[in-house]
């Protein structure tokens, strides 16, 4: 009898055991899932405290700060303005250096001039400097010759002086007297006229002279500002920085200096 009751009790325990085991397994899986979810969830950033806490969802892009404009030093010897309204300064001093062809330039522009001429020749071209520094007497003689030519055309003295001044600057108002200006031609076309612009030398100089600190001083569309006719052979040294800015802006020297 006792053995029979023990057997029945064992059968009852076996029948009841599946429920507690299933429950334990369910609890274990649930706990594991919650732990996994908690580990994989990224931590949310904490909101800033204080007045900056209220930040708009999309901030506008800041406006780029304008580049500060370069202040021109009008006392810079490279930027001295000489034209019919601005004569050669009384205290101007030229540091003359003689070129291999006997002409003179201000020695301060010589290194850049020599490099420009060397590179132009290296490109297979033949540039020739036909005029550089001029004395007051030389400029006077050139002007008088041009004035005589205008008078020979039948112009009145007043009109002749006006026209002569467009082609040859009045003595004391020529850049050539600075020692910083040069007339450069193609050795295959040494005429100082409009045909010069079509020569290989001038095409190269117009495209590259600014890299060496020189500008085409009297462009085609600036005669009303410069007071001088278009001269596709006249180059003026202003330094490399100013030359680049003048070339890129399309201004003439008068406009660049704000005169």
Protein backbone atom coordinates (compact mmCIF):
# COMPACT_ATOMS: atom_id res chain seq x y z
CA UNK A 1 0.00 0.00 0.00
CA UNK A 2 2.73 2.40 0.96
CA UNK A 3 4.64 1.63 -2.24
CA UNK A 4 1.55 2.23 -4.29
CA UNK A 5 1.01 5.67 -2.75
CA UNK A 6 4.63 6.65 -3.42
CA UNK A 7 4.29 5.67 -7.09
CA UNK A 8 1.10 7.70 -7.45
CA UNK A 9 2.76 10.72 -5.77
CA UNK A 10 5.73 10.49 -8.16
CA UNK A 11 3.36 10.41 -11.15
CA UNK A 12 1.56 13.52 -9.85
CA UNK A 13 4.90 15.41 -9.48
CA UNK A 14 5.92 14.48 -13.04
CA UNK A 15 2.62 15.78 -14.38
CA UNK A 16 3.00 19.11 -12.56
CA UNK A 17 6.72 19.75 -13.45
CA UNK A 18 6.31 20.96 -17.11
CA UNK A 19 4.47 24.18 -16.08
CA UNK A 20 7.13 25.53 -13.69
CA UNK A 21 9.91 24.70 -16.18
CA UNK A 22 8.16 26.48 -19.06
CA UNK A 23 7.54 29.50 -16.90
CA UNK A 24 11.17 29.65 -15.86
CA UNK A 25 12.30 29.41 -19.47
CA UNK A 26 9.92 32.22 -20.48
CA UNK A 27 11.18 34.44 -17.69
CA UNK A 28 14.78 33.78 -18.66
CA UNK A 29 14.21 34.58 -22.36
CA UNK A 30 12.31 37.77 -21.50
CA UNK A 31 15.10 38.97 -19.22
CA UNK A 32 17.72 38.20 -21.88
CA UNK A 33 15.76 40.10 -24.55
CA UNK A 34 15.37 43.15 -22.34
CA UNK A 35 19.06 43.11 -21.49
CA UNK A 36 19.99 42.87 -25.18
CA UNK A 37 17.70 45.73 -26.13
CA UNK A 38 19.12 47.91 -23.38
CA UNK A 39 22.72 47.23 -24.51
CA UNK A 40 22.06 47.98 -28.22
CA UNK A 41 20.06 51.20 -27.72
CA UNK A 42 22.30 54.29 -28.20
CA UNK A 43 22.44 56.70 -25.35
CA UNK A 44 20.37 59.79 -26.07
CA UNK A 45 22.28 63.08 -25.88
CA UNK A 46 21.47 65.20 -22.93
CA UNK A 47 19.78 68.49 -23.63
CA UNK A 48 21.98 71.51 -22.92
CA UNK A 49 21.17 73.44 -19.84
CA UNK A 50 20.83 77.18 -19.49
CA UNK A 51 19.80 79.86 -22.03
CA UNK A 52 21.22 77.94 -24.99
CA UNK A 53 18.89 75.01 -24.40
CA UNK A 54 16.31 76.26 -26.90
CA UNK A 55 18.20 75.62 -30.14
CA UNK A 56 16.27 75.76 -33.45
CA UNK A 57 16.15 72.54 -35.40
CA UNK A 58 17.98 73.99 -38.45
CA UNK A 59 20.49 76.83 -38.13
CA UNK A 60 21.09 78.99 -41.23
CA UNK A 61 24.57 78.84 -42.76
CA UNK A 62 26.69 81.80 -41.68
CA UNK A 63 27.40 84.44 -44.30
CA UNK A 64 31.02 84.30 -45.46
CA UNK A 65 33.08 87.10 -44.06
CA UNK A 66 34.15 89.53 -46.78
CA UNK A 67 37.83 89.60 -47.52
CA UNK A 68 39.37 92.83 -46.25
CA UNK A 69 40.24 95.09 -49.15
CA UNK A 70 43.92 95.80 -49.53
CA UNK A 71 44.85 99.36 -48.66
CA UNK A 72 46.93 100.84 -51.44
CA UNK A 73 50.10 102.59 -50.40
CA UNK A 74 50.17 105.58 -52.71
CA UNK A 75 53.70 106.37 -51.63
CA UNK A 76 54.83 103.03 -53.12
CA UNK A 77 57.30 103.84 -55.89
CA UNK A 78 55.79 101.10 -58.06
CA UNK A 79 52.37 102.80 -58.08
CA UNK A 80 53.34 106.40 -58.80
CA UNK A 81 50.75 107.79 -61.21
CA UNK A 82 52.05 109.95 -64.04
CA UNK A 83 49.69 111.22 -66.74
CA UNK A 84 48.58 114.54 -68.24
CA UNK A 85 46.89 115.44 -64.94
CA UNK A 86 49.62 114.12 -62.67
CA UNK A 87 53.13 115.24 -63.66
CA UNK A 88 56.33 113.56 -62.59
CA UNK A 89 56.92 114.19 -58.86
CA UNK A 90 59.56 116.81 -58.18
CA UNK A 91 61.39 114.49 -55.81
CA UNK A 92 61.38 111.49 -58.13
CA UNK A 93 64.72 109.74 -58.41
CA UNK A 94 65.55 107.13 -61.03
CA UNK A 95 68.07 104.38 -60.22
CA UNK A 96 69.28 103.80 -63.75
CA UNK A 97 70.66 100.54 -65.07
CA UNK A 98 71.81 100.13 -68.66
CA UNK A 99 70.43 97.30 -70.76
CA UNK A 100 72.46 95.35 -73.29
CA UNK A 101 70.95 97.43 -76.12
CA UNK A 102 72.10 100.72 -74.56
CA UNK A 103 68.72 101.78 -73.15
CA UNK A 104 68.13 102.41 -69.46
CA UNK A 105 65.51 101.30 -66.93
CA UNK A 106 65.08 101.75 -63.21
CA UNK A 107 67.16 98.96 -61.70
CA UNK A 108 64.38 98.10 -59.25
CA UNK A 109 62.23 96.62 -62.03
CA UNK A 110 65.13 95.01 -63.90
CA UNK A 111 65.01 91.48 -62.36
CA UNK A 112 61.33 91.02 -63.27
CA UNK A 113 61.89 92.58 -66.70
CA UNK A 114 64.78 90.24 -67.45
CA UNK A 115 62.76 87.21 -66.38
CA UNK A 116 59.83 88.26 -68.56
CA UNK A 117 62.03 88.76 -71.61
CA UNK A 118 63.83 85.45 -71.04
CA UNK A 119 60.56 83.55 -70.75
CA UNK A 120 59.15 85.25 -73.84
CA UNK A 121 62.21 84.17 -75.81
CA UNK A 122 61.99 80.68 -74.32
CA UNK A 123 58.50 80.50 -75.85
CA UNK A 124 60.14 80.84 -79.27
CA UNK A 125 59.39 84.56 -79.70
CA UNK A 126 61.56 87.59 -80.44
CA UNK A 127 60.67 90.63 -78.29
CA UNK A 128 62.61 93.86 -78.63
CA UNK A 129 62.66 96.82 -76.23
CA UNK A 130 62.67 99.86 -78.50
CA UNK A 131 62.16 102.57 -75.86
CA UNK A 132 62.65 102.76 -72.10
CA UNK A 133 63.76 105.60 -69.81
CA UNK A 134 63.64 109.07 -71.36
CA UNK A 135 65.12 112.30 -70.16
CA UNK A 136 63.15 115.54 -70.14
CA UNK A 137 65.04 116.64 -73.25
CA UNK A 138 64.26 113.43 -75.13
CA UNK A 139 60.57 113.69 -74.28
CA UNK A 140 60.55 117.33 -75.37
CA UNK A 141 62.05 116.43 -78.75
CA UNK A 142 59.55 113.61 -79.33
CA UNK A 143 56.62 115.83 -78.42
CA UNK A 144 57.75 118.64 -80.70
CA UNK A 145 58.11 116.21 -83.61
CA UNK A 146 54.55 114.95 -83.06
CA UNK A 147 53.24 118.50 -82.72
CA UNK A 148 54.86 119.48 -86.01
CA UNK A 149 53.27 116.47 -87.68
CA UNK A 150 49.83 117.50 -86.43
CA UNK A 151 50.31 121.08 -87.55
CA UNK A 152 51.32 119.80 -90.98
CA UNK A 153 47.88 118.21 -91.23
CA UNK A 154 46.36 121.70 -91.11
CA UNK A 155 45.13 121.59 -87.51
CA UNK A 156 44.98 124.73 -85.43
CA UNK A 157 47.76 125.09 -82.82
CA UNK A 158 45.31 124.32 -80.02
CA UNK A 159 43.90 121.25 -81.75
CA UNK A 160 47.39 120.14 -82.80
CA UNK A 161 48.60 120.26 -79.18
CA UNK A 162 45.58 118.25 -78.07
CA UNK A 163 46.11 115.53 -80.66
CA UNK A 164 49.88 115.45 -80.18
CA UNK A 165 49.37 114.91 -76.43
CA UNK A 166 47.31 111.80 -77.11
CA UNK A 167 50.18 110.13 -78.94
CA UNK A 168 53.19 111.57 -77.12
CA UNK A 169 52.87 112.71 -73.53
CA UNK A 170 53.76 116.27 -72.69
CA UNK A 171 57.27 116.55 -71.27
CA UNK A 172 57.10 115.98 -67.53
CA UNK A 173 53.98 113.78 -67.80
CA UNK A 174 55.44 110.71 -69.51
CA UNK A 175 55.79 107.39 -67.73
CA UNK A 176 59.02 106.84 -69.63
CA UNK A 177 60.55 109.51 -67.41
CA UNK A 178 59.87 107.25 -64.42
CA UNK A 179 62.15 104.55 -65.77
CA UNK A 180 59.36 102.02 -65.21
CA UNK A 181 57.82 102.04 -68.69
CA UNK A 182 58.94 100.28 -71.85
CA UNK A 183 57.88 100.02 -75.44
CA UNK A 184 58.26 96.38 -76.51
CA UNK A 185 57.72 95.23 -80.09
CA UNK A 186 58.00 92.05 -82.09
CA UNK A 187 61.30 92.04 -83.95
CA UNK A 188 59.35 91.00 -87.06
CA UNK A 189 57.05 94.03 -86.79
CA UNK A 190 58.63 97.11 -85.27
CA UNK A 191 55.84 99.52 -86.16
CA UNK A 192 54.27 101.41 -83.26
CA UNK A 193 50.73 101.12 -84.54
CA UNK A 194 47.66 98.95 -84.05
CA UNK A 195 49.14 96.12 -86.11
CA UNK A 196 51.42 95.42 -83.16
CA UNK A 197 48.57 93.77 -81.21
CA UNK A 198 48.41 90.89 -83.70
CA UNK A 199 52.06 89.90 -83.35
CA UNK A 200 52.98 86.72 -81.44
CA UNK A 201 55.08 88.77 -79.02
CA UNK A 202 52.21 91.08 -78.07
CA UNK A 203 49.76 88.22 -77.71
CA UNK A 204 52.20 86.57 -75.29
CA UNK A 205 52.89 89.78 -73.37
CA UNK A 206 49.21 90.68 -73.05
CA UNK A 207 48.54 87.24 -71.58
CA UNK A 208 51.60 86.96 -69.33
CA UNK A 209 53.17 90.35 -68.55
CA UNK A 210 51.16 90.66 -65.32
CA UNK A 211 52.92 87.55 -63.99
CA UNK A 212 56.12 89.59 -63.92
CA UNK A 213 54.65 92.81 -62.52
CA UNK A 214 53.95 94.61 -65.82
CA UNK A 215 50.64 95.84 -67.21
CA UNK A 216 49.50 96.94 -70.65
CA UNK A 217 49.30 100.57 -69.62
CA UNK A 218 47.05 102.00 -72.33
CA UNK A 219 44.33 99.45 -73.21
CA UNK A 220 42.06 99.83 -76.19
CA UNK A 221 38.92 100.86 -74.30
CA UNK A 222 40.48 103.16 -71.68
CA UNK A 223 41.69 106.15 -73.70
CA UNK A 224 39.06 108.39 -72.13
CA UNK A 225 40.51 107.58 -68.72
CA UNK A 226 44.23 107.45 -69.47
CA UNK A 227 44.27 110.37 -71.91
CA UNK A 228 46.49 108.33 -74.25
CA UNK A 229 45.57 106.43 -77.42
CA UNK A 230 45.59 102.64 -77.49
CA UNK A 231 49.21 101.48 -77.38
CA UNK A 232 49.53 97.68 -77.63
CA UNK A 233 53.28 97.97 -77.05
CA UNK A 234 53.58 100.13 -73.91
CA UNK A 235 54.11 98.25 -70.63
CA UNK A 236 54.46 99.70 -67.15
CA UNK A 237 55.94 98.08 -64.07
CA UNK A 238 53.65 98.17 -60.99
CA UNK A 239 54.82 95.09 -59.09
CA UNK A 240 53.43 91.58 -59.23
CA UNK A 241 50.59 91.95 -56.74
CA UNK A 242 49.13 95.10 -58.30
CA UNK A 243 49.67 93.75 -61.82
CA UNK A 244 47.66 90.62 -61.01
CA UNK A 245 44.81 92.64 -59.51
CA UNK A 246 44.74 95.05 -62.45
CA UNK A 247 44.79 92.21 -64.97
CA UNK A 248 42.03 90.25 -63.24
CA UNK A 249 39.81 93.31 -62.72
CA UNK A 250 40.19 94.74 -66.23
CA UNK A 251 40.94 98.17 -64.81
CA UNK A 252 43.53 100.62 -66.01
CA UNK A 253 45.99 102.13 -63.54
CA UNK A 254 43.93 105.31 -63.05
CA UNK A 255 40.85 103.27 -62.16
CA UNK A 256 42.82 100.92 -59.93
CA UNK A 257 44.22 103.82 -57.94
CA UNK A 258 40.80 105.47 -57.77
CA UNK A 259 41.95 108.61 -59.55
